[in-house]
Protein backbone atom coordinates (compact mmCIF):
# COMPACT_ATOMS: atom_id res chain seq x y z
CA UNK A 1 -38.20 -0.61 0.42
CA UNK A 2 -37.73 2.90 1.78
CA UNK A 3 -37.32 6.18 0.05
CA UNK A 4 -34.29 8.39 0.66
CA UNK A 5 -33.85 11.99 -0.18
CA UNK A 6 -37.22 13.71 0.80
CA UNK A 7 -35.22 15.57 3.41
CA UNK A 8 -31.58 16.81 3.04
CA UNK A 9 -30.89 15.27 6.48
CA UNK A 10 -31.69 11.82 5.00
CA UNK A 11 -29.66 11.94 1.77
CA UNK A 12 -27.40 9.21 0.45
CA UNK A 13 -24.39 11.42 1.23
CA UNK A 14 -25.45 11.86 4.88
CA UNK A 15 -26.28 8.12 5.16
CA UNK A 16 -22.74 7.29 3.94
CA UNK A 17 -21.22 9.24 6.86
CA UNK A 18 -22.69 6.76 9.31
CA UNK A 19 -23.39 3.59 7.34
CA UNK A 20 -21.76 1.57 4.70
CA UNK A 21 -23.59 2.15 1.39
CA UNK A 22 -23.50 -0.21 -1.61
CA UNK A 23 -25.22 0.64 -4.88
CA UNK A 24 -27.42 -2.17 -6.19
CA UNK A 25 -27.53 -2.75 -9.92
CA UNK A 26 -30.83 -3.80 -11.61
CA UNK A 27 -29.40 -7.30 -12.00
CA UNK A 28 -28.97 -7.74 -8.22
CA UNK A 29 -31.82 -9.94 -7.04
CA UNK A 30 -30.86 -9.65 -3.46
CA UNK A 31 -28.11 -8.00 -1.37
CA UNK A 32 -24.91 -10.08 -1.82
CA UNK A 33 -21.81 -10.26 0.14
CA UNK A 34 -21.10 -9.28 3.77
CA UNK A 35 -20.08 -5.73 4.71
CA UNK A 36 -16.61 -4.98 5.76
CA UNK A 37 -17.51 -5.09 9.44
CA UNK A 38 -19.88 -7.18 11.56
CA UNK A 39 -23.46 -6.14 11.60
CA UNK A 40 -26.77 -7.81 12.52
CA UNK A 41 -29.17 -6.06 10.15
CA UNK A 42 -29.21 -4.34 6.71
CA UNK A 43 -32.00 -2.62 4.77
CA UNK A 44 -32.64 -1.56 1.19
CA UNK A 45 -33.34 2.11 0.33
CA UNK A 46 -34.31 3.94 -2.81
CA UNK A 47 -33.40 7.45 -4.05
CA UNK A 48 -34.88 8.37 -7.37
CA UNK A 49 -34.34 5.34 -9.59
CA UNK A 50 -31.29 4.06 -7.72
CA UNK A 51 -31.21 1.31 -5.08
CA UNK A 52 -28.81 1.13 -2.20
CA UNK A 53 -27.96 -1.45 0.41
CA UNK A 54 -27.44 0.16 3.78
CA UNK A 55 -25.14 -1.71 6.20
CA UNK A 56 -24.37 -1.03 9.81
CA UNK A 57 -27.66 -0.85 11.54
CA UNK A 58 -27.13 -3.06 14.54
CA UNK A 59 -30.54 -3.12 16.13
CA UNK A 60 -34.09 -3.35 14.92
CA UNK A 61 -34.88 -0.16 16.84
CA UNK A 62 -32.29 1.71 14.73
CA UNK A 63 -33.94 0.56 11.54
CA UNK A 64 -37.34 1.60 12.92
CA UNK A 65 -36.08 5.05 13.65
CA UNK A 66 -34.44 5.29 10.27
CA UNK A 67 -37.60 4.17 8.49
CA UNK A 68 -39.61 6.72 10.44
CA UNK A 69 -37.32 9.59 9.51
CA UNK A 70 -37.47 8.90 5.75
CA UNK A 71 -41.23 8.09 5.69
CA UNK A 72 -42.61 10.14 2.81
CA UNK A 73 -45.96 10.76 4.51
CA UNK A 74 -47.35 12.17 7.73
CA UNK A 75 -50.70 11.62 9.37
CA UNK A 76 -52.64 14.64 10.71
CA UNK A 77 -55.42 14.10 13.23
CA UNK A 78 -57.81 16.92 14.07
CA UNK A 79 -59.59 17.04 17.50
CA UNK A 80 -63.15 17.88 16.48
CA UNK A 81 -65.68 18.98 19.05
CA UNK A 82 -68.74 19.38 16.91
CA UNK A 83 -69.98 18.43 13.42
CA UNK A 84 -68.77 21.69 11.94
CA UNK A 85 -65.21 20.88 13.16
CA UNK A 86 -65.44 17.30 11.87
CA UNK A 87 -66.41 18.45 8.36
CA UNK A 88 -63.77 21.21 8.41
CA UNK A 89 -61.09 18.63 9.34
CA UNK A 90 -61.92 16.58 6.25
CA UNK A 91 -62.01 19.62 3.98
CA UNK A 92 -58.77 20.94 5.50
CA UNK A 93 -56.88 17.72 4.62
CA UNK A 94 -56.84 15.83 7.91
CA UNK A 95 -56.41 12.11 7.69
CA UNK A 96 -58.46 11.24 10.80
CA UNK A 97 -60.43 12.91 13.56
CA UNK A 98 -60.72 12.44 17.27
CA UNK A 99 -64.29 13.27 18.14
CA UNK A 100 -64.96 14.65 21.54
CA UNK A 101 -66.94 17.36 23.38
CA UNK A 102 -66.10 19.87 26.15
CA UNK A 103 -62.59 20.62 24.96
CA UNK A 104 -62.09 23.30 27.63
CA UNK A 105 -62.01 20.60 30.30
CA UNK A 106 -59.76 18.32 28.26
CA UNK A 107 -62.45 16.59 26.26
CA UNK A 108 -65.32 14.31 27.16
CA UNK A 109 -67.25 11.51 25.40
CA UNK A 110 -69.43 13.07 22.63
CA UNK A 111 -73.15 12.38 22.32
CA UNK A 112 -74.43 9.30 20.42
CA UNK A 113 -75.99 11.62 17.88
CA UNK A 114 -72.76 13.45 17.15
CA UNK A 115 -70.93 10.16 16.82
CA UNK A 116 -73.45 8.82 14.35
CA UNK A 117 -73.46 12.05 12.30
CA UNK A 118 -69.70 12.18 12.05
CA UNK A 119 -69.40 8.60 10.98
CA UNK A 120 -72.18 8.96 8.42
CA UNK A 121 -70.93 12.21 6.93
CA UNK A 122 -67.12 11.78 6.87
CA UNK A 123 -65.06 9.65 4.60
CA UNK A 124 -61.95 9.85 6.87
CA UNK A 125 -61.73 7.64 10.00
CA UNK A 126 -63.48 8.70 13.11
CA UNK A 127 -61.96 7.87 16.51
CA UNK A 128 -64.05 8.68 19.55
CA UNK A 129 -62.75 9.91 22.93
CA UNK A 130 -64.05 7.88 25.87
CA UNK A 131 -63.94 9.93 29.03
CA UNK A 132 -66.99 10.08 31.30
CA UNK A 133 -66.06 13.23 33.21
CA UNK A 134 -63.49 15.97 33.70
CA UNK A 135 -60.71 15.66 36.34
CA UNK A 136 -58.34 12.83 36.99
CA UNK A 137 -58.16 9.45 35.27
CA UNK A 138 -59.07 7.22 38.29
CA UNK A 139 -62.46 5.70 37.72
CA UNK A 140 -65.09 4.13 39.96
CA UNK A 141 -66.77 0.84 39.02
CA UNK A 142 -69.79 2.70 37.80
CA UNK A 143 -67.68 4.95 35.54
CA UNK A 144 -65.82 1.85 34.28
CA UNK A 145 -69.07 0.24 33.14
CA UNK A 146 -70.13 3.57 31.50
CA UNK A 147 -66.87 3.65 29.56
CA UNK A 148 -67.20 0.04 28.45
CA UNK A 149 -70.75 0.63 27.36
CA UNK A 150 -69.68 3.73 25.40
CA UNK A 151 -67.02 1.65 23.62
CA UNK A 152 -69.47 -0.98 22.65
CA UNK A 153 -71.76 1.77 21.22
CA UNK A 154 -68.87 3.16 19.16
CA UNK A 155 -68.10 -0.31 17.80
CA UNK A 156 -71.74 -0.89 16.85
CA UNK A 157 -71.91 2.63 15.29
CA UNK A 158 -68.94 1.92 13.00
CA UNK A 159 -66.28 4.05 14.58
CA UNK A 160 -62.69 3.50 13.44
CA UNK A 161 -61.38 3.60 16.98
CA UNK A 162 -61.68 4.71 20.56
CA UNK A 163 -59.31 6.93 22.63
CA UNK A 164 -59.08 5.91 26.24
CA UNK A 165 -56.89 6.14 29.34
CA UNK A 166 -57.01 5.21 33.06
CA UNK A 167 -54.58 5.42 35.96
CA UNK A 168 -54.34 4.05 39.47
CA UNK A 169 -54.30 6.35 42.55
CA UNK A 170 -50.47 6.31 42.44
CA UNK A 171 -50.46 7.31 38.69
CA UNK A 172 -49.50 3.95 37.33
CA UNK A 173 -51.35 2.63 34.31
CA UNK A 174 -54.61 0.90 35.29
CA UNK A 175 -53.70 -2.27 33.39
CA UNK A 176 -56.91 -4.10 34.24
CA UNK A 177 -59.23 -1.37 32.93
CA UNK A 178 -57.02 -0.62 29.92
CA UNK A 179 -57.07 -4.32 29.01
CA UNK A 180 -60.84 -4.46 29.44
CA UNK A 181 -61.27 -1.37 27.22
CA UNK A 182 -58.96 -2.86 24.57
CA UNK A 183 -61.01 -6.09 24.55
CA UNK A 184 -64.28 -4.13 24.34
CA UNK A 185 -62.91 -2.29 21.32
CA UNK A 186 -62.58 -5.50 19.37
CA UNK A 187 -61.16 -4.80 15.99
CA UNK A 188 -61.32 -1.01 16.39
CA UNK A 189 -58.14 0.97 16.98
CA UNK A 190 -57.34 1.45 20.63
CA UNK A 191 -55.50 4.64 21.45
CA UNK A 192 -54.26 5.95 24.76
CA UNK A 193 -55.01 9.65 25.44
CA UNK A 194 -53.18 12.14 27.52
CA UNK A 195 -53.68 10.29 30.76
CA UNK A 196 -50.21 9.10 29.67
CA UNK A 197 -48.87 12.57 30.51
CA UNK A 198 -49.98 12.23 34.14
CA UNK A 199 -48.33 8.81 34.61
CA UNK A 200 -45.44 8.48 37.09
CA UNK A 201 -43.29 6.46 34.76
CA UNK A 202 -43.98 7.17 31.04
CA UNK A 203 -41.35 4.74 29.77
CA UNK A 204 -42.91 1.86 31.68
CA UNK A 205 -46.40 2.84 30.62
CA UNK A 206 -45.30 2.92 26.96
CA UNK A 207 -44.14 -0.68 27.22
CA UNK A 208 -47.37 -1.70 28.93
CA UNK A 209 -49.38 -0.09 26.18
CA UNK A 210 -47.36 -2.03 23.61
CA UNK A 211 -47.95 -5.25 25.48
CA UNK A 212 -51.67 -4.56 25.62
CA UNK A 213 -51.83 -3.99 21.87
CA UNK A 214 -52.55 -0.26 21.76
CA UNK A 215 -51.89 1.31 18.35
CA UNK A 216 -51.12 4.84 19.37
CA UNK A 217 -50.51 7.16 22.33
CA UNK A 218 -51.27 10.86 22.31
CA UNK A 219 -48.93 12.87 24.45
CA UNK A 220 -47.63 16.39 25.08
CA UNK A 221 -44.41 14.97 26.53
CA UNK A 222 -45.81 15.41 30.03
CA UNK A 223 -45.73 19.24 29.54
CA UNK A 224 -48.36 21.90 29.03
CA UNK A 225 -47.81 21.82 25.30
CA UNK A 226 -46.16 19.35 22.90
CA UNK A 227 -43.58 21.99 22.03
CA UNK A 228 -42.51 22.27 25.67
CA UNK A 229 -42.36 18.51 25.96
CA UNK A 230 -40.66 17.91 22.57
CA UNK A 231 -37.50 16.38 23.98
CA UNK A 232 -39.41 13.77 26.03
CA UNK A 233 -41.51 13.13 22.94
CA UNK A 234 -38.33 12.54 20.95
CA UNK A 235 -37.18 9.99 23.57
CA UNK A 236 -40.56 8.27 23.51
CA UNK A 237 -40.54 8.10 19.67
CA UNK A 238 -37.10 6.50 19.75
CA UNK A 239 -38.00 4.08 22.52
CA UNK A 240 -41.20 3.07 20.78
CA UNK A 241 -39.10 2.19 17.70
CA UNK A 242 -42.17 1.66 15.55
CA UNK A 243 -43.95 -0.64 17.96
CA UNK A 244 -46.48 1.98 18.82
CA UNK A 245 -47.09 5.40 17.33
CA UNK A 246 -46.26 8.32 19.68
CA UNK A 247 -48.39 11.19 18.42
CA UNK A 248 -47.58 14.73 19.77
CA UNK A 249 -50.57 16.88 20.69
CA UNK A 250 -51.46 20.04 22.69
CA UNK A 251 -50.79 23.53 21.41
CA UNK A 252 -49.62 22.51 17.96
CA UNK A 253 -49.80 25.31 15.46
CA UNK A 254 -48.34 26.38 12.14
CA UNK A 255 -45.66 28.25 14.07
CA UNK A 256 -44.23 25.28 15.87
CA UNK A 257 -45.05 22.05 14.00
CA UNK A 258 -41.92 22.20 11.86
CA UNK A 259 -39.68 22.34 14.86
CA UNK A 260 -41.70 19.58 16.56
CA UNK A 261 -41.23 17.42 13.50
CA UNK A 262 -37.51 18.17 13.38
CA UNK A 263 -36.94 17.39 17.08
CA UNK A 264 -39.24 14.48 17.74
CA UNK A 265 -39.18 12.56 14.41
CA UNK A 266 -42.92 11.77 14.87
CA UNK A 267 -45.03 10.76 11.98
CA UNK A 268 -48.48 11.68 13.38
CA UNK A 269 -49.65 14.96 14.83
CA UNK A 270 -52.85 15.90 16.71
CA UNK A 271 -54.27 19.43 16.81
CA UNK A 272 -57.54 21.38 16.79
CA UNK A 273 -56.77 24.20 14.32
CA UNK A 274 -59.56 25.97 16.15
CA UNK A 275 -61.02 29.42 16.00
CA UNK A 276 -63.52 31.21 18.21
CA UNK A 277 -67.03 31.62 16.74
CA UNK A 278 -68.96 34.52 18.32
CA UNK A 279 -72.71 34.33 18.04
CA UNK A 280 -74.89 37.43 17.49
CA UNK A 281 -77.33 38.48 20.13
CA UNK A 282 -74.99 39.62 22.93
CA UNK A 283 -74.12 37.91 26.20
CA UNK A 284 -76.09 35.00 27.57
CA UNK A 285 -76.55 35.25 31.37
CA UNK A 286 -74.39 32.66 32.99
CA UNK A 287 -73.14 31.24 29.67
CA UNK A 288 -70.57 32.06 27.03
CA UNK A 289 -71.89 33.53 23.80
CA UNK A 290 -69.16 31.91 21.69
CA UNK A 291 -67.87 28.41 20.91
CA UNK A 292 -64.82 26.74 19.42
CA UNK A 293 -64.78 25.40 15.87
CA UNK A 294 -61.97 23.96 13.74
CA UNK A 295 -60.98 26.14 10.82
CA UNK A 296 -60.25 24.78 7.31
CA UNK A 297 -57.67 27.56 6.83
CA UNK A 298 -55.95 26.89 10.14
CA UNK A 299 -55.78 23.14 9.53
CA UNK A 300 -54.35 23.73 6.03
CA UNK A 301 -51.77 26.15 7.41
CA UNK A 302 -50.57 23.59 9.97
CA UNK A 303 -50.34 20.75 7.50
CA UNK A 304 -48.56 22.97 5.00
CA UNK A 305 -45.97 24.04 7.57
CA UNK A 306 -45.29 20.36 8.38
CA UNK A 307 -45.04 19.13 4.85
CA UNK A 308 -42.90 22.10 3.90
CA UNK A 309 -40.45 21.16 6.59
CA UNK A 310 -39.84 17.63 5.28
């Protein structure tokens, strides 16, 4: 059963322009009678207290896209680089965090102490980035073993999931390593990070991730920011058709998330909502005197902008 009417773009009136609509009375136990034209699939939708049978959806992928557009909820994931950010994410209304460190180099695996602290102190799920170094996503045998060991640690620590990615020298998905990491994750969520954005054939990689059983892929649409890559993200969301979640991330703010939602139709969004925290005491020779921290206010502003656009 799917709700209709949360957005004016998905009203019964607009549905009727493309699909055949039949109102269902309370006495109707199941959709009865064929539509006036050949179709392969139908679905039932609700608006208020009324039920409707929607005819004319010829492919499962079309139903998946429709279901996604009228989904009454969205999921917001905050990329948290320290315990302050993790706690701010929960207070700000995030549904999940991706825990990492060294965000200025794209994120690295956080320390065991930080992983344990976040899992212990948060009620929302904690997914952990597994990335042993900055740079590309081609890994040596030693680095592979480190990543697999980190995944096993996260599983033992009680993490909700791990966020991984690996490519071959020609920027194809490293299927062997991705399969090994998925197996090491066990019953944790397995998510592919933005290594996806460096792949030579994102459509092929998407199908491989689905075949391997990955739950989600984080992507900026192979652009510097998700907003710049929004049209490729839209294509990936449609191609995924509910088989895997395509989650936009990179540069998402309260100023652009509504347009990202409108264009991509995505149901999950990844952002930092960060602010610069400047420490007292002046400059530190050879080091920065400030650090990044997620802001409760920034997170709330982003989620409010998205929910207000539904």
